[in-house]
């Protein structure tokens, strides 16, 4: 599955720790991330991550484009709800598009852990459920 990783500045360390803890599961999937998040996670875990621009330079929009083309299966987006971001409308557009496309999203550690365990079990491969191979 194609998994996208995004973390606001205040949540980057949490994303790194999450990816360290679940490195074994994540290593079996195709990962992409915004620039700085991807760099930090790759350095800490050795995971192979396709990195886009940093979020402030359009990395979120690059991932949103992949979502719109059905190229992302799961989004782990650790948001900082306490700090207003200049690109917050873009974040809402990304989350809205995930809702439209039926893409599972975690915006906090608790939901991310539920989704990562579902990913490990194969529960999230919904495209096989909707369009089973004949």
N, C-alpha and C. Protein backbone atom coordinates (compact mmCIF):
# COMPACT_ATOMS: atom_id res chain seq x y z
N UNK A 1 0.84 -1.19 0.00
CA UNK A 1 0.00 0.00 0.00
C UNK A 1 0.88 1.24 0.00
N UNK A 2 0.33 2.33 -0.48
CA UNK A 2 1.03 3.61 -0.53
C UNK A 2 0.61 4.44 0.67
N UNK A 3 1.57 4.74 1.53
CA UNK A 3 1.32 5.45 2.78
C UNK A 3 2.02 6.80 2.74
N UNK A 4 1.27 7.87 3.02
CA UNK A 4 1.84 9.22 3.07
C UNK A 4 2.01 9.65 4.52
N UNK A 5 3.14 10.29 4.79
CA UNK A 5 3.47 10.78 6.14
C UNK A 5 3.63 12.29 6.10
N UNK A 6 2.91 12.97 6.98
CA UNK A 6 3.02 14.43 7.11
C UNK A 6 2.96 14.74 8.60
N UNK A 7 3.79 15.69 9.04
CA UNK A 7 3.72 16.11 10.45
C UNK A 7 4.03 17.60 10.55
N UNK A 8 3.18 18.31 11.24
CA UNK A 8 3.48 19.71 11.54
C UNK A 8 4.72 19.77 12.43
N UNK A 9 5.37 20.91 12.48
CA UNK A 9 6.64 21.05 13.20
C UNK A 9 6.57 20.53 14.64
N UNK A 10 5.52 20.87 15.36
CA UNK A 10 5.41 20.45 16.76
C UNK A 10 5.17 18.94 16.91
N UNK A 11 4.86 18.26 15.81
CA UNK A 11 4.56 16.82 15.86
C UNK A 11 5.58 15.97 15.13
N UNK A 12 6.65 16.58 14.62
CA UNK A 12 7.64 15.81 13.85
C UNK A 12 8.33 14.75 14.71
N UNK A 13 8.71 15.09 15.92
CA UNK A 13 9.37 14.11 16.78
C UNK A 13 8.44 12.95 17.11
N UNK A 14 7.15 13.24 17.30
CA UNK A 14 6.17 12.18 17.54
C UNK A 14 6.08 11.27 16.32
N UNK A 15 6.10 11.84 15.12
CA UNK A 15 6.07 11.02 13.90
C UNK A 15 7.32 10.14 13.81
N UNK A 16 8.47 10.71 14.14
CA UNK A 16 9.71 9.92 14.11
C UNK A 16 9.61 8.76 15.08
N UNK A 17 9.16 9.01 16.30
CA UNK A 17 9.04 7.95 17.30
C UNK A 17 8.03 6.90 16.86
N UNK A 18 6.93 7.33 16.27
CA UNK A 18 5.93 6.40 15.76
C UNK A 18 6.53 5.50 14.69
N UNK A 19 7.26 6.09 13.77
CA UNK A 19 7.85 5.32 12.67
C UNK A 19 8.95 4.39 13.15
N UNK A 20 9.67 4.78 14.18
CA UNK A 20 10.66 3.88 14.79
C UNK A 20 9.93 2.67 15.38
N UNK A 21 8.86 2.93 16.11
CA UNK A 21 8.11 1.85 16.77
C UNK A 21 7.48 0.89 15.76
N UNK A 22 7.05 1.39 14.62
CA UNK A 22 6.35 0.57 13.64
C UNK A 22 7.13 0.42 12.34
N UNK A 23 8.43 0.52 12.43
CA UNK A 23 9.31 0.42 11.27
C UNK A 23 9.11 -0.89 10.51
N UNK A 24 8.95 -1.98 11.23
CA UNK A 24 8.78 -3.28 10.60
C UNK A 24 7.55 -3.33 9.71
N UNK A 25 6.47 -2.74 10.15
CA UNK A 25 5.23 -2.71 9.36
C UNK A 25 5.39 -1.75 8.19
N UNK A 26 5.88 -0.55 8.47
CA UNK A 26 6.01 0.46 7.43
C UNK A 26 6.97 0.04 6.32
N UNK A 27 7.98 -0.75 6.66
CA UNK A 27 8.98 -1.14 5.67
C UNK A 27 8.40 -2.02 4.57
N UNK A 28 7.24 -2.59 4.79
CA UNK A 28 6.60 -3.46 3.79
C UNK A 28 5.69 -2.69 2.84
N UNK A 29 5.70 -1.36 2.94
CA UNK A 29 4.81 -0.54 2.13
C UNK A 29 5.60 0.58 1.44
N UNK A 30 4.97 1.21 0.46
CA UNK A 30 5.58 2.34 -0.24
C UNK A 30 5.27 3.61 0.54
N UNK A 31 6.32 4.30 0.95
CA UNK A 31 6.15 5.49 1.78
C UNK A 31 6.52 6.74 1.01
N UNK A 32 5.75 7.80 1.26
CA UNK A 32 6.12 9.12 0.78
C UNK A 32 5.85 10.10 1.91
N UNK A 33 6.48 11.26 1.83
CA UNK A 33 6.34 12.25 2.91
C UNK A 33 6.68 13.63 2.40
N UNK A 34 6.23 14.62 3.14
CA UNK A 34 6.72 15.97 2.89
C UNK A 34 8.19 16.00 3.27
N UNK A 35 8.92 16.98 2.74
CA UNK A 35 10.37 17.00 2.80
C UNK A 35 11.02 16.81 4.15
N UNK A 36 10.75 17.68 5.08
CA UNK A 36 11.43 17.61 6.37
C UNK A 36 10.99 16.38 7.16
N UNK A 37 9.71 16.08 7.15
CA UNK A 37 9.23 14.89 7.85
C UNK A 37 9.89 13.64 7.27
N UNK A 38 9.93 13.55 5.95
CA UNK A 38 10.54 12.40 5.31
C UNK A 38 12.01 12.26 5.64
N UNK A 39 12.71 13.38 5.67
CA UNK A 39 14.14 13.38 5.99
C UNK A 39 14.37 12.88 7.41
N UNK A 40 13.63 13.41 8.36
CA UNK A 40 13.79 13.02 9.76
C UNK A 40 13.46 11.55 9.98
N UNK A 41 12.37 11.09 9.38
CA UNK A 41 11.97 9.69 9.55
C UNK A 41 12.99 8.77 8.90
N UNK A 42 13.43 9.10 7.68
CA UNK A 42 14.40 8.25 6.98
C UNK A 42 15.71 8.16 7.76
N UNK A 43 16.18 9.29 8.29
CA UNK A 43 17.43 9.29 9.06
C UNK A 43 17.31 8.45 10.32
N UNK A 44 16.15 8.49 10.96
CA UNK A 44 15.97 7.77 12.23
C UNK A 44 15.69 6.28 12.04
N UNK A 45 15.12 5.91 10.89
CA UNK A 45 14.66 4.54 10.71
C UNK A 45 15.35 3.77 9.59
N UNK A 46 15.93 4.48 8.64
CA UNK A 46 16.49 3.83 7.46
C UNK A 46 15.43 3.43 6.45
N UNK A 47 14.19 3.82 6.67
CA UNK A 47 13.11 3.50 5.74
C UNK A 47 13.33 4.22 4.41
N UNK A 48 12.93 3.58 3.32
CA UNK A 48 12.98 4.19 2.00
C UNK A 48 11.73 5.03 1.82
N UNK A 49 11.91 6.34 1.71
CA UNK A 49 10.78 7.27 1.65
C UNK A 49 10.95 8.19 0.45
N UNK A 50 9.95 8.27 -0.40
CA UNK A 50 9.93 9.26 -1.47
C UNK A 50 9.59 10.60 -0.82
N UNK A 51 10.50 11.55 -0.99
CA UNK A 51 10.31 12.84 -0.33
C UNK A 51 9.89 13.90 -1.34
N UNK A 52 8.87 14.65 -0.94
CA UNK A 52 8.41 15.78 -1.73
C UNK A 52 8.95 17.06 -1.09
N UNK A 53 8.53 18.19 -1.57
CA UNK A 53 8.96 19.47 -0.99
C UNK A 53 8.47 19.54 0.46
N UNK A 54 9.05 20.45 1.21
CA UNK A 54 8.55 20.66 2.57
C UNK A 54 7.12 21.19 2.48
N UNK A 55 6.40 21.06 3.56
CA UNK A 55 5.00 21.46 3.57
C UNK A 55 4.78 22.92 3.19
N UNK A 56 5.63 23.80 3.68
CA UNK A 56 5.47 25.22 3.38
C UNK A 56 5.81 25.57 1.94
N UNK A 57 6.50 24.66 1.26
CA UNK A 57 6.88 24.91 -0.14
C UNK A 57 6.02 24.14 -1.13
N UNK A 58 4.97 23.48 -0.64
CA UNK A 58 4.06 22.80 -1.55
C UNK A 58 4.05 21.29 -1.46
N UNK A 59 4.76 20.73 -0.49
CA UNK A 59 4.78 19.27 -0.35
C UNK A 59 3.41 18.68 -0.05
N UNK A 60 2.63 19.38 0.75
CA UNK A 60 1.28 18.91 1.04
C UNK A 60 0.42 18.86 -0.22
N UNK A 61 0.60 19.86 -1.07
CA UNK A 61 -0.15 19.89 -2.33
C UNK A 61 0.29 18.76 -3.26
N UNK A 62 1.59 18.42 -3.21
CA UNK A 62 2.06 17.30 -4.02
C UNK A 62 1.41 15.99 -3.57
N UNK A 63 1.31 15.81 -2.27
CA UNK A 63 0.65 14.61 -1.75
C UNK A 63 -0.85 14.66 -2.06
N UNK A 64 -1.45 15.84 -1.95
CA UNK A 64 -2.87 15.99 -2.29
C UNK A 64 -3.11 15.58 -3.75
N UNK A 65 -2.20 15.94 -4.63
CA UNK A 65 -2.33 15.56 -6.04
C UNK A 65 -2.31 14.04 -6.18
N UNK A 66 -1.45 13.37 -5.42
CA UNK A 66 -1.40 11.90 -5.47
C UNK A 66 -2.70 11.31 -4.92
N UNK A 67 -3.25 11.94 -3.90
CA UNK A 67 -4.54 11.48 -3.35
C UNK A 67 -5.62 11.61 -4.42
N UNK A 68 -5.63 12.73 -5.13
CA UNK A 68 -6.67 12.95 -6.15
C UNK A 68 -6.56 11.96 -7.30
N UNK A 69 -5.38 11.39 -7.51
CA UNK A 69 -5.17 10.40 -8.57
C UNK A 69 -5.26 8.96 -8.04
N UNK A 70 -5.78 8.80 -6.83
CA UNK A 70 -5.91 7.48 -6.19
C UNK A 70 -4.57 6.76 -6.05
N UNK A 71 -3.53 7.50 -5.74
CA UNK A 71 -2.20 6.93 -5.58
C UNK A 71 -1.75 6.85 -4.12
N UNK A 72 -2.63 7.23 -3.20
CA UNK A 72 -2.34 7.13 -1.76
C UNK A 72 -3.45 6.27 -1.14
N UNK A 73 -3.05 5.30 -0.31
CA UNK A 73 -4.02 4.40 0.32
C UNK A 73 -4.25 4.72 1.80
N UNK A 74 -3.31 5.43 2.41
CA UNK A 74 -3.39 5.73 3.84
C UNK A 74 -2.60 7.00 4.11
N UNK A 75 -3.19 7.90 4.89
CA UNK A 75 -2.51 9.16 5.24
C UNK A 75 -2.34 9.23 6.74
N UNK A 76 -1.09 9.37 7.18
CA UNK A 76 -0.77 9.64 8.58
C UNK A 76 -0.33 11.09 8.65
N UNK A 77 -1.18 11.93 9.19
CA UNK A 77 -0.98 13.38 9.19
C UNK A 77 -1.08 13.87 10.63
N UNK A 78 0.07 13.95 11.29
CA UNK A 78 0.10 14.39 12.68
C UNK A 78 0.02 15.91 12.70
N UNK A 79 -1.15 16.41 13.04
CA UNK A 79 -1.43 17.84 13.01
C UNK A 79 -1.22 18.47 14.38
N UNK A 80 -0.88 19.74 14.36
CA UNK A 80 -0.77 20.54 15.58
C UNK A 80 -2.01 21.42 15.64
N UNK A 81 -3.02 21.03 16.41
CA UNK A 81 -4.27 21.81 16.42
C UNK A 81 -4.17 23.11 17.21
N UNK A 82 -3.08 23.33 17.91
CA UNK A 82 -2.98 24.51 18.77
C UNK A 82 -2.31 25.70 18.10
N UNK A 83 -1.70 25.49 16.94
CA UNK A 83 -0.99 26.56 16.26
C UNK A 83 -1.62 26.79 14.90
N UNK A 84 -1.99 28.04 14.62
CA UNK A 84 -2.58 28.39 13.33
C UNK A 84 -1.49 28.34 12.26
N UNK A 85 -1.81 27.71 11.14
CA UNK A 85 -0.86 27.58 10.04
C UNK A 85 -1.34 28.40 8.85
N UNK A 86 -0.40 29.00 8.13
CA UNK A 86 -0.78 29.79 6.96
C UNK A 86 -1.34 28.92 5.85
N UNK A 87 -0.93 27.65 5.80
CA UNK A 87 -1.41 26.75 4.75
C UNK A 87 -2.55 25.84 5.23
N UNK A 88 -3.21 26.25 6.31
CA UNK A 88 -4.28 25.43 6.89
C UNK A 88 -5.43 25.14 5.90
N UNK A 89 -5.82 26.10 5.06
CA UNK A 89 -6.87 25.76 4.07
C UNK A 89 -6.46 24.60 3.17
N UNK A 90 -5.19 24.51 2.83
CA UNK A 90 -4.72 23.40 2.01
C UNK A 90 -4.82 22.08 2.77
N UNK A 91 -4.57 22.12 4.08
CA UNK A 91 -4.70 20.92 4.90
C UNK A 91 -6.15 20.43 4.89
N UNK A 92 -7.08 21.36 5.01
CA UNK A 92 -8.50 20.98 4.98
C UNK A 92 -8.89 20.40 3.63
N UNK A 93 -8.34 20.96 2.56
CA UNK A 93 -8.61 20.42 1.23
C UNK A 93 -8.10 18.97 1.12
N UNK A 94 -6.92 18.72 1.67
CA UNK A 94 -6.36 17.37 1.64
C UNK A 94 -7.25 16.40 2.42
N UNK A 95 -7.67 16.79 3.60
CA UNK A 95 -8.52 15.93 4.43
C UNK A 95 -9.88 15.71 3.76
N UNK A 96 -10.42 16.76 3.15
CA UNK A 96 -11.69 16.65 2.43
C UNK A 96 -11.57 15.65 1.28
N UNK A 97 -10.48 15.73 0.55
CA UNK A 97 -10.27 14.82 -0.57
C UNK A 97 -10.12 13.37 -0.09
N UNK A 98 -9.49 13.17 1.05
CA UNK A 98 -9.41 11.82 1.63
C UNK A 98 -10.81 11.30 1.95
N UNK A 99 -11.67 12.18 2.48
CA UNK A 99 -13.05 11.78 2.76
C UNK A 99 -13.77 11.40 1.47
N UNK A 100 -13.58 12.19 0.42
CA UNK A 100 -14.23 11.91 -0.86
C UNK A 100 -13.75 10.58 -1.43
N UNK A 101 -12.44 10.32 -1.34
CA UNK A 101 -11.85 9.12 -1.93
C UNK A 101 -11.91 7.90 -1.00
N UNK A 102 -12.37 8.10 0.23
CA UNK A 102 -12.44 6.98 1.17
C UNK A 102 -11.08 6.50 1.64
N UNK A 103 -10.16 7.44 1.82
CA UNK A 103 -8.81 7.10 2.25
C UNK A 103 -8.72 7.24 3.77
N UNK A 104 -8.30 6.18 4.47
CA UNK A 104 -8.16 6.27 5.92
C UNK A 104 -7.11 7.31 6.30
N UNK A 105 -7.44 8.12 7.32
CA UNK A 105 -6.57 9.20 7.77
C UNK A 105 -6.43 9.14 9.28
N UNK A 106 -5.20 9.32 9.75
CA UNK A 106 -4.96 9.49 11.18
C UNK A 106 -4.36 10.87 11.38
N UNK A 107 -4.94 11.64 12.27
CA UNK A 107 -4.40 12.97 12.56
C UNK A 107 -3.78 13.04 13.96
N UNK A 108 -3.75 11.90 14.64
CA UNK A 108 -3.15 11.86 15.98
C UNK A 108 -2.61 10.46 16.23
N UNK A 109 -1.83 10.32 17.26
CA UNK A 109 -1.14 9.07 17.55
C UNK A 109 -2.10 7.91 17.83
N UNK A 110 -3.20 8.17 18.53
CA UNK A 110 -4.14 7.09 18.87
C UNK A 110 -4.74 6.48 17.61
N UNK A 111 -5.20 7.31 16.70
CA UNK A 111 -5.79 6.81 15.46
C UNK A 111 -4.73 6.17 14.58
N UNK A 112 -3.53 6.72 14.57
CA UNK A 112 -2.44 6.16 13.78
C UNK A 112 -2.13 4.73 14.22
N UNK A 113 -2.14 4.49 15.52
CA UNK A 113 -1.87 3.14 16.01
C UNK A 113 -2.96 2.17 15.60
N UNK A 114 -4.21 2.60 15.62
CA UNK A 114 -5.31 1.73 15.17
C UNK A 114 -5.11 1.40 13.69
N UNK A 115 -4.81 2.41 12.88
CA UNK A 115 -4.65 2.19 11.45
C UNK A 115 -3.42 1.34 11.13
N UNK A 116 -2.33 1.54 11.85
CA UNK A 116 -1.11 0.78 11.55
C UNK A 116 -1.33 -0.71 11.86
N UNK A 117 -2.10 -1.01 12.91
CA UNK A 117 -2.41 -2.41 13.21
C UNK A 117 -3.35 -2.99 12.15
N UNK A 118 -4.27 -2.18 11.66
CA UNK A 118 -5.13 -2.62 10.56
C UNK A 118 -4.33 -2.85 9.29
N UNK A 119 -3.34 -2.00 9.06
CA UNK A 119 -2.46 -2.16 7.90
C UNK A 119 -1.68 -3.46 8.00
N UNK A 120 -1.20 -3.77 9.21
CA UNK A 120 -0.44 -5.00 9.43
C UNK A 120 -1.30 -6.25 9.17
N UNK A 121 -2.56 -6.19 9.56
CA UNK A 121 -3.45 -7.33 9.37
C UNK A 121 -4.00 -7.43 7.95
N UNK A 122 -3.85 -6.36 7.18
CA UNK A 122 -4.40 -6.35 5.83
C UNK A 122 -5.84 -5.85 5.78
N UNK A 123 -6.33 -5.31 6.87
CA UNK A 123 -7.70 -4.83 6.94
C UNK A 123 -7.96 -3.60 6.08
N UNK A 124 -6.92 -2.87 5.74
CA UNK A 124 -7.11 -1.59 5.05
C UNK A 124 -7.00 -1.70 3.54
N UNK A 125 -6.84 -2.87 3.03
CA UNK A 125 -6.74 -3.03 1.59
C UNK A 125 -8.14 -3.05 1.00
N UNK A 126 -8.85 -1.92 1.15
CA UNK A 126 -10.26 -1.81 0.79
C UNK A 126 -10.50 -1.93 -0.71
N UNK A 127 -9.50 -1.65 -1.53
CA UNK A 127 -9.71 -1.75 -2.98
C UNK A 127 -9.95 -3.20 -3.37
N UNK A 128 -9.35 -4.15 -2.65
CA UNK A 128 -9.60 -5.57 -2.91
C UNK A 128 -11.01 -5.97 -2.46
N UNK A 129 -11.52 -5.28 -1.48
CA UNK A 129 -12.87 -5.57 -1.00
C UNK A 129 -13.90 -5.00 -1.97
N UNK A 130 -13.68 -3.76 -2.41
CA UNK A 130 -14.61 -3.10 -3.31
C UNK A 130 -14.57 -3.72 -4.70
N UNK A 131 -13.36 -4.00 -5.21
CA UNK A 131 -13.17 -4.57 -6.55
C UNK A 131 -12.30 -5.83 -6.45
N UNK A 132 -12.85 -6.92 -5.91
CA UNK A 132 -12.02 -8.12 -5.76
C UNK A 132 -11.54 -8.64 -7.11
N UNK A 133 -10.34 -9.20 -7.11
CA UNK A 133 -9.78 -9.76 -8.33
C UNK A 133 -10.64 -10.94 -8.77
N UNK A 134 -10.83 -11.04 -10.06
CA UNK A 134 -11.68 -12.11 -10.58
C UNK A 134 -10.87 -13.30 -10.98
